[in-house]
Protein backbone atom coordinates (compact mmCIF):
# COMPACT_ATOMS: atom_id res chain seq x y z
CA UNK A 1 0.04 -0.15 -0.30
CA UNK A 2 1.34 3.26 -0.94
CA UNK A 3 2.30 5.70 1.79
CA UNK A 4 0.28 8.80 1.90
CA UNK A 5 1.67 11.77 0.63
CA UNK A 6 1.78 15.36 2.04
CA UNK A 7 -0.73 17.69 0.36
CA UNK A 8 0.72 19.12 -2.51
CA UNK A 9 1.54 23.04 -2.29
CA UNK A 10 3.31 23.24 0.80
CA UNK A 11 7.34 23.05 1.08
CA UNK A 12 9.39 22.08 4.36
CA UNK A 13 9.56 26.01 5.36
CA UNK A 14 5.50 26.25 4.85
CA UNK A 15 5.28 23.33 7.22
CA UNK A 16 8.06 24.85 9.50
CA UNK A 17 5.82 27.75 9.81
CA UNK A 18 2.80 26.30 10.46
CA UNK A 19 4.63 24.44 13.27
CA UNK A 20 5.58 27.55 14.92
CA UNK A 21 2.37 29.01 14.46
CA UNK A 22 0.75 26.13 16.12
CA UNK A 23 3.28 25.72 18.61
CA UNK A 24 2.83 29.78 19.58
CA UNK A 25 -0.94 29.22 19.85
CA UNK A 26 -0.38 26.33 21.93
CA UNK A 27 1.38 28.71 24.38
CA UNK A 28 -1.15 31.32 24.47
CA UNK A 29 -3.87 28.48 25.06
CA UNK A 30 -1.95 27.43 28.01
CA UNK A 31 -2.10 30.55 29.11
CA UNK A 32 -5.83 31.10 28.73
CA UNK A 33 -6.06 27.86 30.75
CA UNK A 34 -4.13 29.37 33.57
CA UNK A 35 -6.33 32.16 33.68
CA UNK A 36 -9.35 30.25 33.96
CA UNK A 37 -8.06 27.82 36.06
CA UNK A 38 -6.46 30.09 38.94
CA UNK A 39 -7.11 28.94 42.15
CA UNK A 40 -7.89 31.67 44.60
CA UNK A 41 -5.44 32.39 47.83
CA UNK A 42 -8.17 31.31 49.67
CA UNK A 43 -8.39 27.75 48.52
CA UNK A 44 -4.45 27.70 48.43
CA UNK A 45 -3.65 29.23 45.06
CA UNK A 46 -1.28 31.77 44.19
CA UNK A 47 -1.55 34.92 46.24
CA UNK A 48 -0.63 37.66 43.59
CA UNK A 49 -3.62 37.27 41.13
CA UNK A 50 -3.37 39.09 37.89
CA UNK A 51 -7.13 38.77 36.99
CA UNK A 52 -10.36 38.97 39.17
CA UNK A 53 -12.49 35.84 38.82
CA UNK A 54 -15.19 37.10 36.69
CA UNK A 55 -16.22 33.85 34.83
CA UNK A 56 -18.75 31.62 36.02
CA UNK A 57 -17.59 28.10 37.01
CA UNK A 58 -19.86 27.05 33.70
CA UNK A 59 -18.02 29.78 31.61
CA UNK A 60 -14.87 28.54 32.69
CA UNK A 61 -15.82 25.07 31.80
CA UNK A 62 -16.90 26.21 28.48
CA UNK A 63 -13.72 27.94 28.06
CA UNK A 64 -11.64 24.74 28.63
CA UNK A 65 -13.79 22.66 26.15
CA UNK A 66 -13.26 25.37 23.77
CA UNK A 67 -9.53 24.93 23.97
CA UNK A 68 -9.69 21.11 23.82
CA UNK A 69 -11.54 21.65 20.59
CA UNK A 70 -9.18 24.03 19.17
CA UNK A 71 -6.07 21.62 20.14
CA UNK A 72 -8.09 19.12 18.34
CA UNK A 73 -7.99 21.23 15.31
CA UNK A 74 -4.22 21.95 15.63
CA UNK A 75 -3.49 18.07 15.99
CA UNK A 76 -5.50 17.59 12.71
CA UNK A 77 -3.87 20.22 10.86
CA UNK A 78 -0.46 18.87 11.61
CA UNK A 79 -1.41 15.55 10.97
CA UNK A 80 -2.84 16.30 7.76
CA UNK A 81 0.70 17.54 6.64
CA UNK A 82 2.93 15.46 8.05
CA UNK A 83 3.92 17.64 10.99
CA UNK A 84 5.14 15.63 14.02
CA UNK A 85 5.06 16.82 17.44
CA UNK A 86 8.78 16.50 19.20
CA UNK A 87 8.75 14.72 22.09
CA UNK A 88 9.40 16.30 25.60
CA UNK A 89 13.17 16.82 25.83
CA UNK A 90 12.93 18.91 29.30
CA UNK A 91 13.51 16.92 32.57
CA UNK A 92 11.06 18.14 34.70
CA UNK A 93 12.78 17.17 38.14
CA UNK A 94 15.56 19.34 36.93
CA UNK A 95 13.45 22.15 35.77
CA UNK A 96 11.66 22.39 39.67
CA UNK A 97 15.11 21.76 41.00
CA UNK A 98 16.25 24.89 38.90
CA UNK A 99 13.40 26.79 39.96
CA UNK A 100 13.88 26.28 43.27
CA UNK A 101 17.64 27.57 42.81
CA UNK A 102 16.29 30.95 41.44
CA UNK A 103 13.85 30.79 44.58
CA UNK A 104 16.68 30.58 46.88
CA UNK A 105 18.62 33.30 44.81
CA UNK A 106 15.72 35.66 45.54
CA UNK A 107 15.94 35.06 49.05
CA UNK A 108 19.35 35.86 49.28
CA UNK A 109 18.17 39.21 48.22
CA UNK A 110 16.02 39.73 51.13
CA UNK A 111 19.04 39.04 53.87
CA UNK A 112 19.85 42.49 56.02
CA UNK A 113 22.97 43.24 54.22
CA UNK A 114 21.17 43.48 50.94
CA UNK A 115 18.17 45.21 51.92
CA UNK A 116 20.51 48.23 53.56
CA UNK A 117 20.39 49.77 50.22
CA UNK A 118 17.00 50.31 50.85
CA UNK A 119 17.39 52.01 54.06
CA UNK A 120 18.59 51.52 57.58
CA UNK A 121 17.81 48.88 59.26
CA UNK A 122 18.25 48.17 63.33
CA UNK A 123 18.84 44.85 64.88
CA UNK A 124 15.34 43.74 65.20
CA UNK A 125 14.55 44.51 61.80
CA UNK A 126 17.74 42.83 60.46
CA UNK A 127 16.99 39.68 62.80
CA UNK A 128 13.58 39.64 61.33
CA UNK A 129 14.71 39.49 57.67
CA UNK A 130 17.17 36.68 58.51
CA UNK A 131 14.11 34.78 60.24
CA UNK A 132 12.32 35.16 57.08
CA UNK A 133 14.93 34.21 54.75
CA UNK A 134 15.54 30.82 57.01
CA UNK A 135 12.04 29.94 57.05
CA UNK A 136 11.82 30.43 53.20
CA UNK A 137 14.75 28.48 52.32
CA UNK A 138 14.11 25.82 54.98
CA UNK A 139 10.70 25.22 53.08
CA UNK A 140 12.83 25.08 49.47
CA UNK A 141 15.09 22.93 51.13
CA UNK A 142 12.39 20.53 51.86
CA UNK A 143 11.26 20.04 48.21
CA UNK A 144 14.43 20.10 47.00
CA UNK A 145 15.95 17.31 49.25
CA UNK A 146 12.73 15.23 47.51
CA UNK A 147 13.47 15.61 43.88
CA UNK A 148 16.06 13.33 42.07
CA UNK A 149 19.32 14.64 42.04
CA UNK A 150 21.28 15.32 38.94
CA UNK A 151 24.86 14.93 38.11
């Protein structure tokens, strides 16, 4: 049985552009998902919300269903033009570990010696900053210790 060919008229450059556009649109869809699925702080979600929850649960569900339909269309277009999706290449544990490292660096910036540039600190305020940093870093260390190590 002959192998089905790619529809005529599009060259590799066209297919690469279709791929890049679909990849970007999927990233935008992921952003919409994050907007509509944001958990309010009182339910354990992010503390610094950018968007007020103005959509009803039904409207949020409709958006999520629409996204699934749009992704199905993307998948169909890519398949029709024999544009494959690359497998994931980034290590999830490494990504979390790296992010925790950046969080730890952020905590360092709260230490008293770094905060002096914002104004004079008395001993009580300096001790409080050290305690804040220690508390944050201890919590970061808990998760970091539970992740697989990378050599």
